[in-house]
Amino acid sequence: MRLILIWCCNALALLAVAYLLPGVRVDGFGSALIAALALGFINTLLRPLLILLTLPVTVLSLGLFILVINGLLFWFTGSVLRGFEVSGFWVAMMGALLYSIISYVLSLLIPKNGSNQQPPQDEPITIDHDKL
């Protein structure tokens, strides 16, 4: 259930990015759900490979090149899907950064698994002085 809530939050974050940045366009909530799912798959499958291939540049830039990778993947997703468009590289960079921030903040609102349960109560420790 938590995974579905995070997916919906990511779709809402994508709609917020489209509202805030004029170069990003999302047709509706359905398109945002599909784009959020595609972004999740692309980030899961391609991002680690790209980070590994660009490791020297990433190390030399003190990790800032990962922002470029995120922007490129955001731009790639916008070019592949219908209903989700990104107009250029710099818009993709800003969109990826905003998307990360907004989705992180929204995911903080979702409770962790089992957090609505009380923690188990510890049994009081009793010492039998006669056995000592």
Protein backbone atom coordinates (compact mmCIF):
# COMPACT_ATOMS: atom_id res chain seq x y z
CA MET A 1 0.00 0.00 0.00
CA ARG A 2 2.88 2.35 0.80
CA LEU A 3 4.33 1.81 -2.67
CA ILE A 4 1.08 2.91 -4.31
CA LEU A 5 0.94 6.00 -2.10
CA ILE A 6 4.51 6.92 -3.02
CA TRP A 7 3.65 6.42 -6.70
CA CYS A 8 0.68 8.79 -6.35
CA CYS A 9 2.85 11.32 -4.50
CA ASN A 10 5.40 11.16 -7.32
CA ALA A 11 2.62 11.81 -9.83
CA LEU A 12 1.49 14.81 -7.76
CA ALA A 13 5.09 16.03 -7.65
CA LEU A 14 5.25 15.76 -11.43
CA LEU A 15 2.05 17.80 -11.74
CA ALA A 16 3.55 20.41 -9.39
CA VAL A 17 6.70 20.61 -11.52
CA ALA A 18 4.56 21.10 -14.64
CA TYR A 19 2.70 23.88 -12.85
CA LEU A 20 5.88 25.61 -11.67
CA LEU A 21 8.05 25.27 -14.79
CA PRO A 22 6.70 26.53 -18.10
CA GLY A 23 8.83 24.10 -20.15
CA VAL A 24 7.33 20.97 -18.58
CA ARG A 25 3.87 19.82 -19.68
CA VAL A 26 1.76 17.00 -18.28
CA ASP A 27 -1.64 16.32 -19.83
CA GLY A 28 -3.38 15.10 -16.67
CA PHE A 29 -3.17 12.92 -13.60
CA GLY A 30 -3.24 9.72 -15.68
CA SER A 31 -0.29 10.91 -17.74
CA ALA A 32 1.47 11.93 -14.53
CA LEU A 33 0.97 8.42 -13.10
CA ILE A 34 2.42 6.83 -16.24
CA ALA A 35 5.33 9.30 -16.31
CA ALA A 36 6.07 8.74 -12.61
CA LEU A 37 6.10 4.99 -13.19
CA ALA A 38 8.39 5.39 -16.21
CA LEU A 39 10.71 7.71 -14.28
CA GLY A 40 10.89 5.13 -11.50
CA PHE A 41 11.79 2.33 -13.90
CA ILE A 42 14.31 4.42 -15.82
CA ASN A 43 15.95 5.61 -12.60
CA THR A 44 16.06 2.04 -11.32
CA LEU A 45 17.48 0.47 -14.48
CA LEU A 46 19.54 3.12 -16.32
CA ARG A 47 20.73 5.49 -13.59
CA PRO A 48 23.11 3.05 -11.83
CA LEU A 49 24.64 2.08 -15.18
CA LEU A 50 25.12 5.72 -16.19
CA ILE A 51 26.62 6.58 -12.82
CA LEU A 52 29.05 3.68 -13.16
CA LEU A 53 30.04 4.66 -16.70
CA THR A 54 30.58 8.30 -15.74
CA LEU A 55 32.26 7.58 -12.42
CA PRO A 56 35.52 9.47 -13.20
CA VAL A 57 33.60 12.61 -14.20
CA THR A 58 31.34 12.24 -11.17
CA VAL A 59 34.31 11.96 -8.83
CA LEU A 60 36.09 14.93 -10.43
CA SER A 61 32.95 17.06 -10.15
CA LEU A 62 32.47 15.98 -6.51
CA GLY A 63 29.19 14.28 -7.37
CA LEU A 64 27.60 17.21 -9.16
CA PHE A 65 27.53 15.28 -12.44
CA ILE A 66 24.75 13.14 -10.94
CA LEU A 67 22.51 16.21 -11.33
CA VAL A 68 23.29 16.16 -15.05
CA ILE A 69 22.44 12.45 -15.22
CA ASN A 70 19.13 13.10 -13.43
CA GLY A 71 18.33 15.91 -15.86
CA LEU A 72 19.16 13.76 -18.88
CA LEU A 73 16.95 10.93 -17.63
CA PHE A 74 14.11 13.38 -16.94
CA TRP A 75 14.52 14.79 -20.46
CA PHE A 76 14.69 11.29 -21.95
CA THR A 77 11.46 10.28 -20.21
CA GLY A 78 9.77 13.41 -21.54
CA SER A 79 10.86 12.58 -25.08
CA VAL A 80 9.68 8.96 -24.94
CA LEU A 81 6.21 9.36 -23.41
CA ARG A 82 3.14 11.00 -24.86
CA GLY A 83 1.38 13.30 -22.41
CA PHE A 84 4.63 14.32 -20.71
CA GLU A 85 6.92 16.79 -22.46
CA VAL A 86 10.12 18.55 -21.44
CA SER A 87 11.21 21.38 -23.73
CA GLY A 88 14.98 21.36 -23.22
CA PHE A 89 18.02 20.33 -21.24
CA TRP A 90 18.06 23.21 -18.72
CA VAL A 91 14.34 22.84 -18.12
CA ALA A 92 14.97 19.12 -17.55
CA MET A 93 17.72 19.93 -15.04
CA MET A 94 15.43 22.27 -13.09
CA GLY A 95 12.52 19.84 -13.45
CA ALA A 96 14.51 16.90 -12.13
CA LEU A 97 15.72 18.95 -9.17
CA LEU A 98 12.22 20.22 -8.34
CA TYR A 99 10.74 16.75 -8.85
CA SER A 100 13.24 15.26 -6.40
CA ILE A 101 12.60 17.88 -3.76
CA ILE A 102 8.81 17.82 -4.02
CA SER A 103 8.56 14.02 -4.11
CA TYR A 104 10.88 13.77 -1.09
CA VAL A 105 8.75 16.21 0.92
CA LEU A 106 5.55 14.41 -0.07
CA SER A 107 7.04 11.02 0.83
CA LEU A 108 7.78 12.33 4.33
CA LEU A 109 4.02 12.67 4.83
CA ILE A 110 3.47 8.94 4.31
CA PRO A 111 3.91 6.93 7.52
CA LYS A 112 6.41 4.10 7.55
CA ASN A 113 5.18 0.51 7.56
CA GLY A 114 3.96 -0.50 11.00
CA SER A 115 4.47 2.95 12.50
CA ASN A 116 0.82 3.11 13.54
CA GLN A 117 1.39 0.26 15.98
CA GLN A 118 2.70 0.76 19.48
CA PRO A 119 6.19 -0.50 20.13
CA PRO A 120 6.33 -3.65 22.25
CA GLN A 121 6.50 -3.01 25.97
CA ASP A 122 9.60 -4.36 27.67
CA GLU A 123 9.07 -6.72 30.55
CA PRO A 124 10.40 -5.39 33.84
CA ILE A 125 13.55 -7.14 34.95
CA THR A 126 13.21 -8.93 38.26
CA ILE A 127 16.16 -10.20 40.21
CA ASP A 128 15.72 -13.15 42.52
CA HIS A 129 18.04 -12.35 45.45
CA ASP A 130 17.70 -15.82 46.93
CA LYS A 131 19.46 -17.41 43.92
CA LEU A 132 22.42 -15.04 44.11
